[in-house]
Every structure is written in C-alpha cells, then in structure tokens.
Amino acid sequence: MAKEFTFQPFGAWIVVPRPDKKKTDAGIILDDETARQLQTNIVEVLAVGPQVTQCEPGDKIMVDPNTEAMLIHIDEVQYLFVNEFQVLGKF
C-alpha cells in the first residue's frame, strides 16, 4: 500500500482508489477516450469494514465492472466505496 489510509468504513464496505487515470505516471495528460480505455476493475484495497471477511487492506481485488460504486472524497482525493458482494475475487 502506497500511503497509510486512516478512514475506517462500517459494515461490509470496502474503500478502493478511483481507477480513472487522467495522467500517466510519466506525466502525459490523457484525453477522455484514452483514459476510459485504460480504466481497470482491478484495484488495491485501502480499507475494509468490520463485516468484510474475504479481503483485507493491501489485497488486489477484481470488482464487478457492471455495478456502481459510491464516490467519496477524503482530503480532496476521490475514492470508491464498494460492498463486499461486488468483489469477484482477489489475486
């Protein structure tokens, strides 16, 4: 995990980073279509609620791409809230 994440969700909620990339690691700014093509449903778990039984922070998981996640803002950074039932598996 890149940096310590201090938010603790309740229930069976899982916090993951928003997978949208508008800029590459090298600093190249991407247009909307390219960014959409690079979007992924494989993400690292940042935090889990106390009822989550199948994964823990630091796990790399695959989230169902056909379900909607809740967008949250913490310290001016966007994250996604997904429920444990939306997780298809972990690596």
Protein backbone atom coordinates (compact mmCIF):
# COMPACT_ATOMS: atom_id res chain seq x y z
CA MET A 1 0.00 0.00 0.00
CA ALA A 2 1.39 3.36 -1.03
CA LYS A 3 0.44 5.51 1.96
CA GLU A 4 -1.34 4.96 5.25
CA PHE A 5 -5.11 5.21 4.90
CA THR A 6 -6.80 6.17 8.16
CA PHE A 7 -10.52 6.11 7.24
CA GLN A 8 -12.38 3.08 8.64
CA PRO A 9 -15.62 2.13 6.86
CA PHE A 10 -18.54 0.45 8.67
CA GLY A 11 -20.32 -2.78 7.76
CA ALA A 12 -19.24 -4.69 4.67
CA TRP A 13 -17.91 -1.65 2.79
CA ILE A 14 -14.52 -1.59 1.10
CA VAL A 15 -12.59 1.56 0.09
CA VAL A 16 -10.58 1.40 -3.13
CA PRO A 17 -8.84 4.08 -5.20
CA ARG A 18 -10.76 5.56 -8.09
CA PRO A 19 -9.28 3.80 -11.14
CA ASP A 20 -9.67 6.74 -13.53
CA LYS A 21 -6.36 7.99 -14.87
CA LYS A 22 -6.20 11.41 -16.47
CA LYS A 23 -2.40 11.46 -16.42
CA THR A 24 0.20 8.72 -16.86
CA ASP A 25 2.94 8.08 -14.32
CA ALA A 26 5.30 9.87 -16.73
CA GLY A 27 3.07 12.98 -16.66
CA ILE A 28 1.36 12.65 -20.04
CA ILE A 29 -2.18 14.06 -19.91
CA LEU A 30 -4.73 11.68 -21.45
CA ASP A 31 -7.85 12.61 -23.41
CA ASP A 32 -11.19 11.26 -22.07
CA GLU A 33 -11.43 8.38 -24.56
CA THR A 34 -7.92 7.10 -23.84
CA ALA A 35 -8.48 7.43 -20.09
CA ARG A 36 -11.71 5.42 -20.41
CA GLN A 37 -9.89 2.66 -22.33
CA LEU A 38 -7.20 2.43 -19.64
CA GLN A 39 -9.74 2.18 -16.81
CA THR A 40 -9.49 -1.07 -14.87
CA ASN A 41 -11.61 -3.00 -12.40
CA ILE A 42 -8.56 -4.46 -10.64
CA VAL A 43 -7.72 -2.30 -7.63
CA GLU A 44 -5.90 -2.39 -4.30
CA VAL A 45 -7.97 -2.47 -1.11
CA LEU A 46 -7.27 0.59 1.06
CA ALA A 47 -9.64 -0.09 3.98
CA VAL A 48 -12.35 -2.59 4.94
CA GLY A 49 -15.31 -2.51 7.29
CA PRO A 50 -15.57 -4.93 10.24
CA GLN A 51 -18.02 -7.24 8.42
CA VAL A 52 -15.73 -7.84 5.42
CA THR A 53 -14.49 -11.43 5.55
CA GLN A 54 -12.89 -12.10 2.15
CA CYS A 55 -10.23 -9.41 1.81
CA GLU A 56 -8.06 -7.03 3.80
CA PRO A 57 -6.14 -3.80 3.17
CA GLY A 58 -3.36 -4.32 0.65
CA ASP A 59 -5.14 -7.10 -1.26
CA LYS A 60 -5.54 -6.68 -5.01
CA ILE A 61 -9.15 -7.40 -5.95
CA MET A 62 -11.35 -7.53 -9.05
CA VAL A 63 -14.57 -5.55 -8.71
CA ASP A 64 -17.63 -6.31 -10.84
CA PRO A 65 -17.43 -3.70 -13.64
CA ASN A 66 -21.21 -3.73 -14.13
CA THR A 67 -22.11 -2.47 -10.66
CA GLU A 68 -21.97 1.10 -9.47
CA ALA A 69 -19.71 2.22 -6.68
CA MET A 70 -20.25 5.17 -4.38
CA LEU A 71 -17.83 8.04 -4.98
CA ILE A 72 -16.42 9.59 -1.80
CA HIS A 73 -13.98 12.44 -1.16
CA ILE A 74 -11.42 12.26 1.64
CA ASP A 75 -8.80 15.00 1.96
CA GLU A 76 -9.64 16.24 -1.55
CA VAL A 77 -8.93 12.81 -3.09
CA GLN A 78 -11.63 10.70 -4.74
CA TYR A 79 -12.11 7.08 -3.67
CA LEU A 80 -14.75 4.45 -4.34
CA PHE A 81 -16.90 2.64 -1.80
CA VAL A 82 -17.86 -0.87 -2.92
CA ASN A 83 -19.72 -3.52 -0.99
CA GLU A 84 -18.12 -6.90 -0.45
CA PHE A 85 -20.71 -8.60 -2.68
CA GLN A 86 -19.37 -6.52 -5.62
CA VAL A 87 -15.93 -8.15 -5.34
CA LEU A 88 -15.46 -11.00 -7.80
CA GLY A 89 -12.18 -12.29 -6.35
CA LYS A 90 -8.67 -11.44 -5.25
CA PHE A 91 -5.18 -12.04 -6.58
